[in-house]
Amino acid sequence: MNYTYILRCGDGTYYTGWTNDLEKRVKAHNEGAGARYTRSRLPVTLVYYELFETKQEAQSREWHIKRLSRREKEQLISCGSGHRR
């Protein structure tokens, strides 16, 4: 399975990404081995994810979420934390 996820960073910002191993990826972010963006904003907390059959679907959803405003991301998070597709 493939996941699109949103992390809340230590400075209150959000990071959106995709992976095929959600637990391993969040751990990597918190160990400083994740995205450059999150390395200086530790710790990170998983606040939202969606599950997809294909890598392409997860990447497409990541692209769409990254274009949402902060307010829209917060609405997504509050309406469906742990949401699965």
PDB file of N, CA and C in Angstrom:
ATOM      1  N   MET A   1       0.842  -1.187   0.000  1.00  0.00           N
ATOM      2  CA  MET A   1       0.000   0.000   0.000  1.00  0.00           C
ATOM      3  C   MET A   1       0.888   1.253   0.000  1.00  0.00           C
ATOM      4  N   ASN A   2       0.297   2.335  -0.409  1.00  0.00           N
ATOM      5  CA  ASN A   2       0.995   3.617  -0.490  1.00  0.00           C
ATOM      6  C   ASN A   2       0.217   4.662   0.283  1.00  0.00           C
ATOM      7  N   TYR A   3       0.944   5.548   0.931  1.00  0.00           N
ATOM      8  CA  TYR A   3       0.338   6.537   1.809  1.00  0.00           C
ATOM      9  C   TYR A   3       0.722   7.952   1.396  1.00  0.00           C
ATOM     10  N   THR A   4      -0.233   8.850   1.519  1.00  0.00           N
ATOM     11  CA  THR A   4       0.039  10.280   1.499  1.00  0.00           C
ATOM     12  C   THR A   4      -0.185  10.738   2.927  1.00  0.00           C
ATOM     13  N   TYR A   5       0.729  11.540   3.445  1.00  0.00           N
ATOM     14  CA  TYR A   5       0.643  11.884   4.867  1.00  0.00           C
ATOM     15  C   TYR A   5       0.970  13.354   5.097  1.00  0.00           C
ATOM     16  N   ILE A   6       0.488  13.843   6.233  1.00  0.00           N
ATOM     17  CA  ILE A   6       0.810  15.198   6.687  1.00  0.00           C
ATOM     18  C   ILE A   6       1.422  15.081   8.075  1.00  0.00           C
ATOM     19  N   LEU A   7       2.557  15.759   8.247  1.00  0.00           N
ATOM     20  CA  LEU A   7       3.230  15.838   9.548  1.00  0.00           C
ATOM     21  C   LEU A   7       3.098  17.245  10.091  1.00  0.00           C
ATOM     22  N   ARG A   8       2.927  17.361  11.397  1.00  0.00           N
ATOM     23  CA  ARG A   8       3.040  18.660  12.056  1.00  0.00           C
ATOM     24  C   ARG A   8       4.457  18.731  12.603  1.00  0.00           C
ATOM     25  N   CYS A   9       5.176  19.738  12.176  1.00  0.00           N
ATOM     26  CA  CYS A   9       6.563  19.902  12.593  1.00  0.00           C
ATOM     27  C   CYS A   9       6.644  20.613  13.937  1.00  0.00           C
ATOM     28  N   GLY A  10       7.797  20.534  14.555  1.00  0.00           N
ATOM     29  CA  GLY A  10       8.014  21.143  15.859  1.00  0.00           C
ATOM     30  C   GLY A  10       7.771  22.642  15.883  1.00  0.00           C
ATOM     31  N   ASP A  11       7.920  23.307  14.733  1.00  0.00           N
ATOM     32  CA  ASP A  11       7.681  24.758  14.673  1.00  0.00           C
ATOM     33  C   ASP A  11       6.242  25.094  14.283  1.00  0.00           C
ATOM     34  N   GLY A  12       5.357  24.066  14.203  1.00  0.00           N
ATOM     35  CA  GLY A  12       3.950  24.294  13.902  1.00  0.00           C
ATOM     36  C   GLY A  12       3.606  24.277  12.428  1.00  0.00           C
ATOM     37  N   THR A  13       4.598  24.138  11.550  1.00  0.00           N
ATOM     38  CA  THR A  13       4.318  24.061  10.126  1.00  0.00           C
ATOM     39  C   THR A  13       3.914  22.638   9.755  1.00  0.00           C
ATOM     40  N   TYR A  14       3.432  22.480   8.526  1.00  0.00           N
ATOM     41  CA  TYR A  14       3.026  21.163   8.034  1.00  0.00           C
ATOM     42  C   TYR A  14       3.928  20.715   6.899  1.00  0.00           C
ATOM     43  N   TYR A  15       4.174  19.420   6.852  1.00  0.00           N
ATOM     44  CA  TYR A  15       4.929  18.809   5.763  1.00  0.00           C
ATOM     45  C   TYR A  15       4.075  17.691   5.187  1.00  0.00           C
ATOM     46  N   THR A  16       3.966  17.632   3.873  1.00  0.00           N
ATOM     47  CA  THR A  16       3.203  16.589   3.193  1.00  0.00           C
ATOM     48  C   THR A  16       4.146  15.741   2.355  1.00  0.00           C
ATOM     49  N   GLY A  17       3.965  14.436   2.419  1.00  0.00           N
ATOM     50  CA  GLY A  17       4.788  13.525   1.638  1.00  0.00           C
ATOM     51  C   GLY A  17       4.030  12.256   1.299  1.00  0.00           C
ATOM     52  N   TRP A  18       4.717  11.322   0.667  1.00  0.00           N
ATOM     53  CA  TRP A  18       4.120  10.017   0.371  1.00  0.00           C
ATOM     54  C   TRP A  18       5.177   8.944   0.660  1.00  0.00           C
ATOM     55  N   THR A  19       4.720   7.736   0.925  1.00  0.00           N
ATOM     56  CA  THR A  19       5.609   6.619   1.220  1.00  0.00           C
ATOM     57  C   THR A  19       4.853   5.312   1.051  1.00  0.00           C
ATOM     58  N   ASN A  20       5.592   4.215   1.016  1.00  0.00           N
ATOM     59  CA  ASN A  20       4.938   2.900   1.021  1.00  0.00           C
ATOM     60  C   ASN A  20       5.133   2.206   2.382  1.00  0.00           C
ATOM     61  N   ASP A  21       5.786   2.895   3.323  1.00  0.00           N
ATOM     62  CA  ASP A  21       5.958   2.378   4.689  1.00  0.00           C
ATOM     63  C   ASP A  21       5.849   3.554   5.656  1.00  0.00           C
ATOM     64  N   LEU A  22       4.652   3.811   6.102  1.00  0.00           N
ATOM     65  CA  LEU A  22       4.363   5.013   6.882  1.00  0.00           C
ATOM     66  C   LEU A  22       5.133   5.053   8.205  1.00  0.00           C
ATOM     67  N   GLU A  23       5.117   3.969   8.945  1.00  0.00           N
ATOM     68  CA  GLU A  23       5.799   3.939  10.244  1.00  0.00           C
ATOM     69  C   GLU A  23       7.301   4.194  10.075  1.00  0.00           C
ATOM     70  N   LYS A  24       7.909   3.537   9.116  1.00  0.00           N
ATOM     71  CA  LYS A  24       9.344   3.708   8.866  1.00  0.00           C
ATOM     72  C   LYS A  24       9.664   5.140   8.432  1.00  0.00           C
ATOM     73  N   ARG A  25       8.806   5.725   7.611  1.00  0.00           N
ATOM     74  CA  ARG A  25       9.059   7.074   7.099  1.00  0.00           C
ATOM     75  C   ARG A  25       8.970   8.122   8.205  1.00  0.00           C
ATOM     76  N   VAL A  26       7.957   8.018   9.061  1.00  0.00           N
ATOM     77  CA  VAL A  26       7.824   8.973  10.173  1.00  0.00           C
ATOM     78  C   VAL A  26       9.028   8.844  11.108  1.00  0.00           C
ATOM     79  N   LYS A  27       9.457   7.616  11.369  1.00  0.00           N
ATOM     80  CA  LYS A  27      10.636   7.388  12.204  1.00  0.00           C
ATOM     81  C   LYS A  27      11.865   8.040  11.568  1.00  0.00           C
ATOM     82  N   ALA A  28      12.021   7.880  10.258  1.00  0.00           N
ATOM     83  CA  ALA A  28      13.158   8.485   9.553  1.00  0.00           C
ATOM     84  C   ALA A  28      13.130  10.006   9.674  1.00  0.00           C
ATOM     85  N   HIS A  29      11.957  10.593   9.521  1.00  0.00           N
ATOM     86  CA  HIS A  29      11.844  12.050   9.686  1.00  0.00           C
ATOM     87  C   HIS A  29      12.327  12.461  11.077  1.00  0.00           C
ATOM     88  N   ASN A  30      11.870  11.769  12.097  1.00  0.00           N
ATOM     89  CA  ASN A  30      12.223  12.129  13.468  1.00  0.00           C
ATOM     90  C   ASN A  30      13.681  11.843  13.816  1.00  0.00           C
ATOM     91  N   GLU A  31      14.330  11.004  13.026  1.00  0.00           N
ATOM     92  CA  GLU A  31      15.756  10.738  13.229  1.00  0.00           C
ATOM     93  C   GLU A  31      16.625  11.692  12.409  1.00  0.00           C
ATOM     94  N   GLY A  32      15.978  12.622  11.698  1.00  0.00           N
ATOM     95  CA  GLY A  32      16.722  13.574  10.890  1.00  0.00           C
ATOM     96  C   GLY A  32      17.131  13.035   9.532  1.00  0.00           C
ATOM     97  N   ALA A  33      16.607  11.874   9.171  1.00  0.00           N
ATOM     98  CA  ALA A  33      16.953  11.244   7.900  1.00  0.00           C
ATOM     99  C   ALA A  33      15.836  11.396   6.872  1.00  0.00           C
ATOM    100  N   GLY A  34      14.854  12.201   7.184  1.00  0.00           N
ATOM    101  CA  GLY A  34      13.749  12.425   6.261  1.00  0.00           C
ATOM    102  C   GLY A  34      14.048  13.586   5.341  1.00  0.00           C
ATOM    103  N   ALA A  35      13.040  14.288   4.958  1.00  0.00           N
ATOM    104  CA  ALA A  35      13.182  15.428   4.055  1.00  0.00           C
ATOM    105  C   ALA A  35      14.005  16.545   4.687  1.00  0.00           C
ATOM    106  N   ARG A  36      14.689  17.282   3.861  1.00  0.00           N
ATOM    107  CA  ARG A  36      15.489  18.418   4.345  1.00  0.00           C
ATOM    108  C   ARG A  36      14.612  19.396   5.134  1.00  0.00           C
ATOM    109  N   TYR A  37      13.376  19.599   4.682  1.00  0.00           N
ATOM    110  CA  TYR A  37      12.464  20.539   5.342  1.00  0.00           C
ATOM    111  C   TYR A  37      12.254  20.169   6.808  1.00  0.00           C
ATOM    112  N   THR A  38      12.092  18.889   7.097  1.00  0.00           N
ATOM    113  CA  THR A  38      11.762  18.484   8.465  1.00  0.00           C
ATOM    114  C   THR A  38      12.986  18.395   9.380  1.00  0.00           C
ATOM    115  N   ARG A  39      14.164  18.282   8.831  1.00  0.00           N
ATOM    116  CA  ARG A  39      15.380  18.105   9.645  1.00  0.00           C
ATOM    117  C   ARG A  39      15.591  19.204  10.676  1.00  0.00           C
ATOM    118  N   SER A  40      15.257  20.425  10.309  1.00  0.00           N
ATOM    119  CA  SER A  40      15.456  21.547  11.244  1.00  0.00           C
ATOM    120  C   SER A  40      14.180  21.893  12.003  1.00  0.00           C
ATOM    121  N   ARG A  41      13.159  21.053  11.880  1.00  0.00           N
ATOM    122  CA  ARG A  41      11.867  21.345  12.504  1.00  0.00           C
ATOM    123  C   ARG A  41      11.368  20.179  13.361  1.00  0.00           C
ATOM    124  N   LEU A  42      12.289  19.468  13.961  1.00  0.00           N
ATOM    125  CA  LEU A  42      11.937  18.298  14.764  1.00  0.00           C
ATOM    126  C   LEU A  42      11.431  18.709  16.137  1.00  0.00           C
ATOM    127  N   PRO A  43      10.638  17.873  16.784  1.00  0.00           N
ATOM    128  CA  PRO A  43      10.127  16.604  16.274  1.00  0.00           C
ATOM    129  C   PRO A  43       8.918  16.815  15.366  1.00  0.00           C
ATOM    130  N   VAL A  44       8.589  15.751  14.623  1.00  0.00           N
ATOM    131  CA  VAL A  44       7.394  15.789  13.781  1.00  0.00           C
ATOM    132  C   VAL A  44       6.383  14.786  14.316  1.00  0.00           C
ATOM    133  N   THR A  45       5.109  15.084  14.083  1.00  0.00           N
ATOM    134  CA  THR A  45       4.016  14.218  14.520  1.00  0.00           C
ATOM    135  C   THR A  45       3.107  13.938  13.339  1.00  0.00           C
ATOM    136  N   LEU A  46       2.781  12.681  13.126  1.00  0.00           N
ATOM    137  CA  LEU A  46       1.841  12.315  12.073  1.00  0.00           C
ATOM    138  C   LEU A  46       0.449  12.782  12.477  1.00  0.00           C
ATOM    139  N   VAL A  47      -0.172  13.622  11.637  1.00  0.00           N
ATOM    140  CA  VAL A  47      -1.502  14.143  11.973  1.00  0.00           C
ATOM    141  C   VAL A  47      -2.570  13.720  10.973  1.00  0.00           C
ATOM    142  N   TYR A  48      -2.156  13.169   9.824  1.00  0.00           N
ATOM    143  CA  TYR A  48      -3.130  12.789   8.807  1.00  0.00           C
ATOM    144  C   TYR A  48      -2.475  11.855   7.799  1.00  0.00           C
ATOM    145  N   TYR A  49      -3.254  10.879   7.319  1.00  0.00           N
ATOM    146  CA  TYR A  49      -2.768  10.057   6.214  1.00  0.00           C
ATOM    147  C   TYR A  49      -3.942   9.500   5.423  1.00  0.00           C
ATOM    148  N   GLU A  50      -3.654   9.156   4.190  1.00  0.00           N
ATOM    149  CA  GLU A  50      -4.605   8.481   3.317  1.00  0.00           C
ATOM    150  C   GLU A  50      -3.883   7.298   2.695  1.00  0.00           C
ATOM    151  N   LEU A  51      -4.609   6.249   2.418  1.00  0.00           N
ATOM    152  CA  LEU A  51      -4.067   5.004   1.893  1.00  0.00           C
ATOM    153  C   LEU A  51      -4.496   4.832   0.440  1.00  0.00           C
ATOM    154  N   PHE A  52      -3.554   4.436  -0.425  1.00  0.00           N
ATOM    155  CA  PHE A  52      -3.825   4.269  -1.851  1.00  0.00           C
ATOM    156  C   PHE A  52      -3.248   2.956  -2.360  1.00  0.00           C
ATOM    157  N   GLU A  53      -3.851   2.436  -3.410  1.00  0.00           N
ATOM    158  CA  GLU A  53      -3.381   1.204  -4.043  1.00  0.00           C
ATOM    159  C   GLU A  53      -2.053   1.422  -4.762  1.00  0.00           C
ATOM    160  N   THR A  54      -1.900   2.546  -5.450  1.00  0.00           N
ATOM    161  CA  THR A  54      -0.724   2.754  -6.288  1.00  0.00           C
ATOM    162  C   THR A  54       0.108   3.956  -5.845  1.00  0.00           C
ATOM    163  N   LYS A  55       1.377   3.893  -6.199  1.00  0.00           N
ATOM    164  CA  LYS A  55       2.309   4.984  -5.941  1.00  0.00           C
ATOM    165  C   LYS A  55       1.841   6.253  -6.648  1.00  0.00           C
ATOM    166  N   GLN A  56       1.355   6.112  -7.865  1.00  0.00           N
ATOM    167  CA  GLN A  56       0.915   7.266  -8.646  1.00  0.00           C
ATOM    168  C   GLN A  56      -0.253   7.993  -7.986  1.00  0.00           C
ATOM    169  N   GLU A  57      -1.186   7.250  -7.417  1.00  0.00           N
ATOM    170  CA  GLU A  57      -2.315   7.871  -6.717  1.00  0.00           C
ATOM    171  C   GLU A  57      -1.832   8.644  -5.491  1.00  0.00           C
ATOM    172  N   ALA A  58      -0.915   8.043  -4.734  1.00  0.00           N
ATOM    173  CA  ALA A  58      -0.379   8.701  -3.537  1.00  0.00           C
ATOM    174  C   ALA A  58       0.387   9.967  -3.911  1.00  0.00           C
ATOM    175  N   GLN A  59       1.182   9.910  -4.966  1.00  0.00           N
ATOM    176  CA  GLN A  59       1.941  11.077  -5.401  1.00  0.00           C
ATOM    177  C   GLN A  59       1.026  12.182  -5.907  1.00  0.00           C
ATOM    178  N   SER A  60      -0.029  11.802  -6.604  1.00  0.00           N
ATOM    179  CA  SER A  60      -0.985  12.786  -7.094  1.00  0.00           C
ATOM    180  C   SER A  60      -1.682  13.481  -5.931  1.00  0.00           C
ATOM    181  N   ARG A  61      -2.080  12.721  -4.930  1.00  0.00           N
ATOM    182  CA  ARG A  61      -2.742  13.309  -3.767  1.00  0.00           C
ATOM    183  C   ARG A  61      -1.780  14.213  -2.999  1.00  0.00           C
ATOM    184  N   GLU A  62      -0.512  13.810  -2.894  1.00  0.00           N
ATOM    185  CA  GLU A  62       0.496  14.654  -2.256  1.00  0.00           C
ATOM    186  C   GLU A  62       0.562  16.003  -2.976  1.00  0.00           C
ATOM    187  N   TRP A  63       0.617  15.973  -4.284  1.00  0.00           N
ATOM    188  CA  TRP A  63       0.706  17.188  -5.093  1.00  0.00           C
ATOM    189  C   TRP A  63      -0.478  18.109  -4.802  1.00  0.00           C
ATOM    190  N   HIS A  64      -1.679  17.515  -4.738  1.00  0.00           N
ATOM    191  CA  HIS A  64      -2.883  18.321  -4.477  1.00  0.00           C
ATOM    192  C   HIS A  64      -2.887  18.907  -3.059  1.00  0.00           C
ATOM    193  N   ILE A  65      -2.502  18.110  -2.078  1.00  0.00           N
ATOM    194  CA  ILE A  65      -2.487  18.602  -0.697  1.00  0.00           C
ATOM    195  C   ILE A  65      -1.459  19.722  -0.538  1.00  0.00           C
ATOM    196  N   LYS A  66      -0.313  19.606  -1.171  1.00  0.00           N
ATOM    197  CA  LYS A  66       0.723  20.637  -1.064  1.00  0.00           C
ATOM    198  C   LYS A  66       0.248  21.986  -1.590  1.00  0.00           C
ATOM    199  N   ARG A  67      -0.742  21.979  -2.432  1.00  0.00           N
ATOM    200  CA  ARG A  67      -1.264  23.222  -2.977  1.00  0.00           C
ATOM    201  C   ARG A  67      -2.399  23.827  -2.155  1.00  0.00           C
ATOM    202  N   LEU A  68      -2.816  23.133  -1.089  1.00  0.00           N
ATOM    203  CA  LEU A  68      -3.840  23.665  -0.200  1.00  0.00           C
ATOM    204  C   LEU A  68      -3.245  24.745   0.695  1.00  0.00           C
ATOM    205  N   SER A  69      -4.081  25.662   1.108  1.00  0.00           N
ATOM    206  CA  SER A  69      -3.643  26.663   2.085  1.00  0.00           C
ATOM    207  C   SER A  69      -3.506  25.995   3.456  1.00  0.00           C
ATOM    208  N   ARG A  70      -2.859  26.681   4.364  1.00  0.00           N
ATOM    209  CA  ARG A  70      -2.732  26.161   5.728  1.00  0.00           C
ATOM    210  C   ARG A  70      -4.107  25.886   6.324  1.00  0.00           C
ATOM    211  N   ARG A  71      -5.020  26.819   6.129  1.00  0.00           N
ATOM    212  CA  ARG A  71      -6.377  26.651   6.666  1.00  0.00           C
ATOM    213  C   ARG A  71      -7.054  25.418   6.071  1.00  0.00           C
ATOM    214  N   GLU A  72      -6.892  25.210   4.779  1.00  0.00           N
ATOM    215  CA  GLU A  72      -7.497  24.037   4.139  1.00  0.00           C
ATOM    216  C   GLU A  72      -6.867  22.745   4.653  1.00  0.00           C
ATOM    217  N   LYS A  73      -5.569  22.756   4.889  1.00  0.00           N
ATOM    218  CA  LYS A  73      -4.905  21.574   5.454  1.00  0.00           C
ATOM    219  C   LYS A  73      -5.427  21.300   6.861  1.00  0.00           C
ATOM    220  N   GLU A  74      -5.609  22.342   7.655  1.00  0.00           N
ATOM    221  CA  GLU A  74      -6.123  22.162   9.010  1.00  0.00           C
ATOM    222  C   GLU A  74      -7.550  21.615   8.994  1.00  0.00           C
ATOM    223  N   GLN A  75      -8.353  22.046   8.033  1.00  0.00           N
ATOM    224  CA  GLN A  75      -9.708  21.505   7.899  1.00  0.00           C
ATOM    225  C   GLN A  75      -9.658  20.029   7.522  1.00  0.00           C
ATOM    226  N   LEU A  76      -8.779  19.670   6.611  1.00  0.00           N
ATOM    227  CA  LEU A  76      -8.612  18.272   6.214  1.00  0.00           C
ATOM    228  C   LEU A  76      -8.219  17.428   7.415  1.00  0.00           C
ATOM    229  N   ILE A  77      -7.260  17.913   8.175  1.00  0.00           N
ATOM    230  CA  ILE A  77      -6.769  17.194   9.356  1.00  0.00           C
ATOM    231  C   ILE A  77      -7.886  17.030  10.396  1.00  0.00           C
ATOM    232  N   SER A  78      -8.623  18.098  10.664  1.00  0.00           N
ATOM    233  CA  SER A  78      -9.653  18.039  11.709  1.00  0.00           C
ATOM    234  C   SER A  78     -10.856  17.190  11.303  1.00  0.00           C
ATOM    235  N   CYS A  79     -11.104  17.103  10.015  1.00  0.00           N
ATOM    236  CA  CYS A  79     -12.268  16.332   9.542  1.00  0.00           C
ATOM    237  C   CYS A  79     -11.955  14.859   9.313  1.00  0.00           C
ATOM    238  N   GLY A  80     -10.685  14.504   9.275  1.00  0.00           N
ATOM    239  CA  GLY A  80     -10.415  13.117   8.935  1.00  0.00           C
ATOM    240  C   GLY A  80      -9.075  12.581   9.350  1.00  0.00           C
ATOM    241  N   SER A  81      -8.604  12.927  10.528  1.00  0.00           N
ATOM    242  CA  SER A  81      -7.325  12.397  10.986  1.00  0.00           C
ATOM    243  C   SER A  81      -7.360  10.871  10.957  1.00  0.00           C
ATOM    244  N   GLY A  82      -6.357  10.294  10.304  1.00  0.00           N
ATOM    245  CA  GLY A  82      -6.318   8.839  10.179  1.00  0.00           C
ATOM    246  C   GLY A  82      -7.195   8.332   9.069  1.00  0.00           C
ATOM    247  N   HIS A  83      -7.652   9.200   8.229  1.00  0.00           N
ATOM    248  CA  HIS A  83      -8.537   8.854   7.121  1.00  0.00           C
ATOM    249  C   HIS A  83      -7.850   7.880   6.169  1.00  0.00           C
ATOM    250  N   ARG A  84      -8.580   6.890   5.721  1.00  0.00           N
ATOM    251  CA  ARG A  84      -8.050   5.928   4.768  1.00  0.00           C
ATOM    252  C   ARG A  84      -8.884   5.955   3.497  1.00  0.00           C
ATOM    253  N   ARG A  85      -8.208   5.843   2.383  1.00  0.00           N
ATOM    254  CA  ARG A  85      -8.889   5.777   1.070  1.00  0.00           C
ATOM    255  C   ARG A  85      -8.692   4.431   0.483  1.00  0.00           C
TER     256      ARG A  85
END
